[in-house]
Structures are given as structure tokens and as C-alpha cells.
Amino acid sequence: MILIVDSGSTKCDWIAIDKDGNRLLEKIRTKGLNPAILSQKKLTKIIKKNSALKGIRKNVSHVFFYGAGCGTEKPRLLLQGVLQAFFYNTKVEVKEDTYAAVYATIKTNNEAAVVCILGTGSNCSYYDGKILHQRVKSLGYTIMDDASGNYFGRQLIRDYYYNQMPKDIKVAFADRYNVEDDFIKYNLYKQPNPNAYLASFAEFMFLNKDSEYATNLIKKGIRLFAKNMILQFKEELKTVPVHFAGSIAFFSQDEIKEVAQELGFTVGNFKRRPIEGLVSYHVSNL
């Protein structure tokens, strides 16, 4: 049994297949396993809490894990150790989530592209057909992650408190969420995964995309991300497309295409959830 895993900071999808690519179980979902944010104890607890994973761990021969927070060696090795301890007698490979986005969006193994992730967090890399290249090291959600779910959540809360929202949008926002200041501060500063908490507000933009406020907010974030991240690869953009993975990207396709036309890059494929593309990739490479 082979497990293919795609994890963000919010949620983690597990798919079990055999060597012929046949699905063996329904998709398993756990909380996100981001080793840059969560401790070894917390990571272990999330995995052990899932009864479906407990039931199959003796039968797993390979784990291919792609996740947020796995782009640097220390957190990657931390998570690899947690997975190796749980899935004993198993070969475990852990790669950063950008590889999942690459394998899910390219059509051939040696295809070159700039690949972006816009989900709870955000990232951008150039894939030359074999290796990922990054020109900006991410410093996490507090000062980077432009156009991500947590970025937009932060902007929405700021606009609400700074009275920058139109009145009808502000009323709708307060009706949908608990905007009491102590509640927000408790979730931001006392609870785990504040990035995922912020990202939970991003849905509001897409529920109100018929408003000028929401579309302008989305385009502002996309434009910022494109200028800071995508345009780091100006030379590569002359010959390759830009693919996008993640829910924020999927629901912002129109705005992304507008910004791409403004800034002069070519938009390629969109994948809301990379896990399906990952299965196809690994089946073809077993």
C-alpha cells in the first residue's frame, strides 16, 4: 500500500493506492501537519488520533508526503521522523508542498514552469523540469504570504476595524463572524495555528465577489504577490507559463488572469487540490 499525502497548514489529505494505482480506501483527512508551526508532540497526536491511519499503518510500504513548512531541512526531518515512527517498516519521503503543486499542474515530467501556491499560505518557484528553484526564502505568514488565505483574512479584519469596509459589507462580515476584539486576539495570540484562523475569513471575499470592495481586495493581493514573487523569474517568464494550485488561486482565476495581462506573464493551469494530480503523477512513475 502506498500513501500519497498533501498537507497545508489547515488540512491534510491522505490517499491510499496499490502498485497499479487503484484506490484502496476513501480519502482520509486530518488536520494540517505543518512542522514549521507544530511541535513533534502535536504532529504525532494528530496522526495517532485518526483511526483509519492506525488501521492501515502495518500495510503501508511507501509514504510520499508533500507539505507546507517542509521547505527547510530541520522541520522536514522533524516530520519525517514522526511519520517514520508511526508507519514503521515504511519508506518515507517528505518534500515541500511546492513539489505537490508542480507534479499536479505540469502535463509532462520534464515540463518547465513557474508554479505558485495560493492557499492558507503562499509560495512561488521555478521548476526547470527536474529541480525547484526559489529566489525568495519565505519568512512565514506574519510578514510574507501575500495573496494567501491568511493575508486576505488579515486584510479583512483590518478593514473592518479601520472602518475601510463599505457599510453593507461590514454588516455582513459581522453577521458571519465573531468580530469581538477579545475573541480575535485570543485566537491570534493564545491558540495554535493563527495562520489557519486568519485564512478562515478569506471565504468571505468569494461570497461577496459581486462587490467592488471584494474584487479590488483580491486584485490588490494578487498584484502584490505577482510583483514580489512571480516577477522574480522575469527571464523564465518569457518562455514558460505560470501554474497555480490552492483554493485561493482556484477561486481567484479571473483576477489572476487580469493581473497577468497587466504584468505580462502567461497563466497556465489551475488546481484547487493538488492531491488528485499527485496520484496521477505517482501512478505514472511507480
Protein backbone atom coordinates (compact mmCIF):
# COMPACT_ATOMS: atom_id res chain seq x y z
CA MET A 1 0.00 0.00 0.00
CA ILE A 2 1.25 3.46 -0.96
CA LEU A 3 0.13 6.63 0.82
CA ILE A 4 0.19 9.93 -1.05
CA VAL A 5 -0.26 12.91 1.22
CA ASP A 6 -0.90 16.58 0.52
CA SER A 7 -0.83 18.85 3.57
CA GLY A 8 -1.38 22.53 4.08
CA SER A 9 -1.46 24.30 7.42
CA THR A 10 -5.23 23.82 7.72
CA LYS A 11 -5.93 20.33 6.41
CA CYS A 12 -4.13 17.23 5.22
CA ASP A 13 -5.41 14.74 2.60
CA TRP A 14 -4.24 11.10 2.51
CA ILE A 15 -4.91 8.76 -0.43
CA ALA A 16 -4.03 5.05 -0.38
CA ILE A 17 -3.30 3.25 -3.66
CA ASP A 18 -1.78 -0.08 -4.68
CA LYS A 19 1.15 -0.51 -7.08
CA ASP A 20 -1.25 -0.43 -10.03
CA GLY A 21 -2.75 2.89 -8.96
CA ASN A 22 -6.04 1.50 -7.69
CA ARG A 23 -7.66 3.38 -4.82
CA LEU A 24 -7.80 1.21 -1.73
CA LEU A 25 -9.72 3.49 0.62
CA GLU A 26 -11.80 6.63 0.65
CA LYS A 27 -9.69 9.77 1.05
CA ILE A 28 -8.60 10.30 4.64
CA ARG A 29 -8.49 13.84 6.02
CA THR A 30 -6.71 15.08 9.13
CA LYS A 31 -5.71 18.47 10.42
CA GLY A 32 -2.76 20.06 8.65
CA LEU A 33 0.73 18.84 9.56
CA ASN A 34 2.98 21.86 9.27
CA PRO A 35 6.27 21.09 11.06
CA ALA A 36 7.36 24.71 10.91
CA ILE A 37 4.47 25.60 13.24
CA LEU A 38 3.57 22.44 15.15
CA SER A 39 5.71 20.57 17.68
CA GLN A 40 6.69 16.92 17.38
CA LYS A 41 4.15 16.09 20.10
CA LYS A 42 1.33 17.87 18.29
CA LEU A 43 2.19 16.32 14.92
CA THR A 44 2.21 12.85 16.48
CA LYS A 45 -1.09 13.47 18.25
CA ILE A 46 -2.87 14.49 15.04
CA ILE A 47 -1.72 11.33 13.24
CA LYS A 48 -2.42 8.95 16.13
CA LYS A 49 -5.89 10.40 16.61
CA ASN A 50 -7.01 9.13 13.18
CA SER A 51 -8.40 5.60 13.43
CA ALA A 52 -8.19 4.99 9.66
CA LEU A 53 -4.44 5.66 9.64
CA LYS A 54 -3.99 3.44 12.69
CA GLY A 55 -5.79 0.64 10.92
CA ILE A 56 -3.59 0.64 7.81
CA ARG A 57 -0.16 1.58 9.10
CA LYS A 58 1.13 -2.02 9.18
CA ASN A 59 0.32 -2.40 5.46
CA VAL A 60 1.95 0.80 4.19
CA SER A 61 5.15 0.32 2.17
CA HIS A 62 5.72 3.92 1.00
CA VAL A 63 4.64 7.36 2.18
CA PHE A 64 5.05 10.27 -0.23
CA PHE A 65 4.35 13.38 1.84
CA TYR A 66 4.13 16.92 0.43
CA GLY A 67 3.50 19.69 2.90
CA ALA A 68 3.61 23.30 3.96
CA GLY A 69 6.53 24.05 6.25
CA CYS A 70 8.74 21.33 4.73
CA GLY A 71 10.91 23.62 2.63
CA THR A 72 13.82 23.72 5.07
CA GLU A 73 15.77 20.80 6.47
CA LYS A 74 15.04 20.99 10.20
CA PRO A 75 11.20 20.91 10.05
CA ARG A 76 11.29 18.44 7.14
CA LEU A 77 13.41 15.99 9.13
CA LEU A 78 11.21 16.52 12.19
CA LEU A 79 8.10 15.48 10.28
CA GLN A 80 9.91 12.65 8.51
CA GLY A 81 10.86 11.26 11.92
CA VAL A 82 7.28 11.48 13.17
CA LEU A 83 5.96 9.67 10.09
CA GLN A 84 8.71 7.06 10.21
CA ALA A 85 7.93 6.30 13.86
CA PHE A 86 4.22 5.86 13.12
CA PHE A 87 4.50 3.98 9.82
CA TYR A 88 7.24 1.58 10.90
CA ASN A 89 8.90 -0.60 8.22
CA THR A 90 7.90 2.06 5.69
CA LYS A 91 9.90 4.17 3.26
CA VAL A 92 9.02 7.82 3.95
CA GLU A 93 9.76 10.73 1.63
CA VAL A 94 8.92 14.29 2.69
CA LYS A 95 9.03 17.21 0.27
CA GLU A 96 7.77 20.78 0.42
CA ASP A 97 4.27 21.48 -0.86
CA THR A 98 5.58 23.28 -3.93
CA TYR A 99 6.57 19.91 -5.40
CA ALA A 100 2.96 18.78 -4.99
CA ALA A 101 1.81 21.85 -6.89
CA VAL A 102 4.38 21.16 -9.62
CA TYR A 103 3.51 17.50 -10.08
CA ALA A 104 -0.22 18.30 -10.03
CA THR A 105 -0.10 21.06 -12.65
CA ILE A 106 2.54 20.04 -15.20
CA LYS A 107 1.48 17.74 -18.03
CA THR A 108 4.81 16.00 -18.62
CA ASN A 109 7.57 15.11 -16.14
CA ASN A 110 10.19 17.35 -17.74
CA GLU A 111 7.96 20.37 -18.35
CA ALA A 112 9.33 23.70 -17.09
CA ALA A 113 7.04 26.21 -15.40
CA VAL A 114 6.71 28.82 -12.70
CA VAL A 115 4.42 27.29 -10.08
CA CYS A 116 2.54 29.17 -7.39
CA ILE A 117 0.62 28.09 -4.31
CA LEU A 118 -2.17 30.29 -3.03
CA GLY A 119 -3.85 28.53 -0.13
CA THR A 120 -3.60 29.15 3.60
CA GLY A 121 -0.08 30.36 2.79
CA SER A 122 1.59 31.29 -0.49
CA ASN A 123 4.73 30.41 -2.39
CA CYS A 124 6.27 30.61 -5.85
CA SER A 125 9.06 28.60 -7.51
CA TYR A 126 10.54 27.87 -10.90
CA TYR A 127 10.65 24.20 -11.91
CA ASP A 128 13.19 23.56 -14.67
CA GLY A 129 11.87 20.08 -15.45
CA LYS A 130 13.90 18.41 -12.70
CA ILE A 131 14.66 20.79 -9.84
CA LEU A 132 12.83 23.57 -8.00
CA HIS A 133 14.45 27.00 -7.83
CA GLN A 134 13.39 29.66 -5.34
CA ARG A 135 14.68 33.22 -5.25
CA VAL A 136 12.83 34.34 -2.14
CA LYS A 137 13.02 32.50 1.16
CA SER A 138 9.70 32.56 2.97
CA LEU A 139 9.69 34.03 6.45
CA GLY A 140 6.18 32.80 7.13
CA TYR A 141 2.71 34.22 7.49
CA THR A 142 3.49 37.17 9.76
CA ILE A 143 5.40 39.21 7.18
CA MET A 144 5.09 37.34 3.86
CA ASP A 145 2.44 35.04 2.31
CA ASP A 146 0.99 37.73 0.02
CA ALA A 147 -2.38 36.80 -1.55
CA SER A 148 -2.76 33.79 0.74
CA GLY A 149 -5.80 32.96 2.86
CA ASN A 150 -4.14 34.33 5.96
CA TYR A 151 -3.13 37.51 4.09
CA PHE A 152 -6.71 38.16 2.99
CA GLY A 153 -8.08 37.28 6.42
CA ARG A 154 -5.74 39.82 7.98
CA GLN A 155 -6.77 42.47 5.44
CA LEU A 156 -10.46 41.85 6.05
CA ILE A 157 -10.11 42.17 9.81
CA ARG A 158 -8.01 45.32 9.44
CA ASP A 159 -10.53 46.87 7.04
CA TYR A 160 -13.34 46.03 9.45
CA TYR A 161 -11.62 47.63 12.44
CA TYR A 162 -10.26 50.61 10.49
CA ASN A 163 -13.74 51.24 9.03
CA GLN A 164 -12.46 50.72 5.48
CA MET A 165 -15.30 48.37 4.50
CA PRO A 166 -18.49 49.66 2.84
CA LYS A 167 -21.30 49.69 5.42
CA ASP A 168 -23.27 46.80 3.91
CA ILE A 169 -20.13 44.64 3.66
CA LYS A 170 -19.20 45.47 7.24
CA VAL A 171 -22.64 44.41 8.48
CA ALA A 172 -22.43 41.15 6.51
CA PHE A 173 -18.94 40.47 7.89
CA ALA A 174 -20.08 40.99 11.49
CA ASP A 175 -23.11 38.75 10.91
CA ARG A 176 -20.94 35.91 9.63
CA TYR A 177 -18.03 36.03 12.10
CA ASN A 178 -17.36 36.72 15.74
CA VAL A 179 -15.58 40.06 15.45
CA GLU A 180 -15.39 40.80 19.17
CA ASP A 181 -11.88 42.09 19.80
CA ASP A 182 -11.01 39.78 22.70
CA PHE A 183 -12.16 36.75 20.70
CA ILE A 184 -9.98 37.69 17.75
CA LYS A 185 -6.95 38.36 19.96
CA TYR A 186 -7.46 35.07 21.79
CA ASN A 187 -7.37 33.15 18.50
CA LEU A 188 -4.42 35.10 17.17
CA TYR A 189 -2.21 35.03 20.26
CA LYS A 190 -3.38 32.20 22.51
CA GLN A 191 -4.43 29.44 20.12
CA PRO A 192 -2.34 27.24 17.78
CA ASN A 193 -2.33 27.83 14.01
CA PRO A 194 -3.20 31.56 13.91
CA ASN A 195 -2.42 31.46 10.17
CA ALA A 196 -5.25 28.97 9.62
CA TYR A 197 -7.56 31.08 11.79
CA LEU A 198 -6.86 34.14 9.65
CA ALA A 199 -7.37 32.10 6.49
CA SER A 200 -10.85 31.07 7.66
CA PHE A 201 -12.04 34.61 6.90
CA ALA A 202 -10.95 34.52 3.25
CA GLU A 203 -14.12 32.72 2.15
CA PHE A 204 -15.98 35.96 2.78
CA MET A 205 -14.35 37.59 -0.25
CA PHE A 206 -15.62 34.93 -2.59
CA LEU A 207 -19.11 35.03 -1.13
CA ASN A 208 -19.14 38.74 -1.92
CA LYS A 209 -17.32 38.81 -5.26
CA ASP A 210 -20.16 40.78 -6.78
CA SER A 211 -18.99 43.77 -4.71
CA GLU A 212 -16.33 46.19 -5.93
CA TYR A 213 -14.74 46.05 -2.48
CA ALA A 214 -14.09 42.27 -2.67
CA THR A 215 -12.80 42.22 -6.24
CA ASN A 216 -10.47 45.14 -5.55
CA LEU A 217 -9.18 43.43 -2.40
CA ILE A 218 -8.47 40.22 -4.33
CA LYS A 219 -6.71 42.03 -7.18
CA LYS A 220 -4.62 44.08 -4.77
CA GLY A 221 -3.37 40.91 -3.07
CA ILE A 222 -2.71 39.09 -6.36
CA ARG A 223 -0.86 42.10 -7.75
CA LEU A 224 1.33 42.28 -4.64
CA PHE A 225 2.10 38.56 -4.85
CA ALA A 226 2.90 38.78 -8.56
CA LYS A 227 5.27 41.73 -8.14
CA ASN A 228 7.06 40.27 -5.11
CA MET A 229 7.16 36.62 -6.14
CA ILE A 230 6.26 35.78 -9.74
CA LEU A 231 8.30 38.61 -11.27
CA GLN A 232 11.41 37.28 -9.53
CA PHE A 233 11.52 34.96 -12.57
CA LYS A 234 11.35 37.59 -15.32
CA GLU A 235 13.68 35.73 -17.70
CA GLU A 236 11.93 32.39 -17.23
CA LEU A 237 8.51 34.02 -17.75
CA LYS A 238 9.47 34.79 -21.34
CA THR A 239 9.21 31.11 -22.24
CA VAL A 240 7.16 29.29 -19.57
CA PRO A 241 3.62 29.56 -18.16
CA VAL A 242 2.64 30.20 -14.55
CA HIS A 243 0.60 27.42 -12.94
CA PHE A 244 -1.44 27.86 -9.76
CA ALA A 245 -2.53 25.48 -7.01
CA GLY A 246 -4.70 26.04 -3.94
CA SER A 247 -8.22 27.20 -3.13
CA ILE A 248 -7.44 30.92 -3.12
CA ALA A 249 -5.95 30.65 -6.61
CA PHE A 250 -8.80 28.48 -7.87
CA PHE A 251 -11.47 30.97 -6.82
CA SER A 252 -9.41 33.98 -7.99
CA GLN A 253 -8.84 32.83 -11.56
CA ASP A 254 -10.45 35.87 -13.17
CA GLU A 255 -8.44 38.29 -11.03
CA ILE A 256 -5.21 36.36 -11.62
CA LYS A 257 -5.74 36.49 -15.38
CA GLU A 258 -6.37 40.26 -15.21
CA VAL A 259 -3.17 40.83 -13.23
CA ALA A 260 -1.23 38.54 -15.58
CA GLN A 261 -2.33 40.64 -18.54
CA GLU A 262 -1.30 43.81 -16.69
CA LEU A 263 2.15 42.49 -15.79
CA GLY A 264 2.85 40.42 -18.88
CA PHE A 265 3.01 36.76 -17.86
CA THR A 266 1.15 33.75 -19.21
CA VAL A 267 -1.29 31.87 -16.98
CA GLY A 268 -1.25 28.08 -17.24
CA ASN A 269 -3.22 25.53 -15.22
CA PHE A 270 -5.23 25.80 -12.00
CA LYS A 271 -5.63 23.00 -9.45
CA ARG A 272 -7.78 23.56 -6.39
CA ARG A 273 -6.45 20.46 -4.60
CA PRO A 274 -3.11 19.06 -5.79
CA ILE A 275 -3.79 15.60 -4.31
CA GLU A 276 -5.60 14.31 -7.42
CA GLY A 277 -2.76 15.34 -9.71
CA LEU A 278 -0.27 13.79 -7.30
CA VAL A 279 -1.98 10.43 -7.59
CA SER A 280 -1.73 10.54 -11.39
CA TYR A 281 1.92 11.55 -11.18
CA HIS A 282 2.90 8.74 -8.84
CA VAL A 283 0.89 6.12 -10.71
CA SER A 284 2.75 7.02 -13.90
CA ASN A 285 6.09 6.88 -12.06
CA LEU A 286 5.67 3.72 -9.98
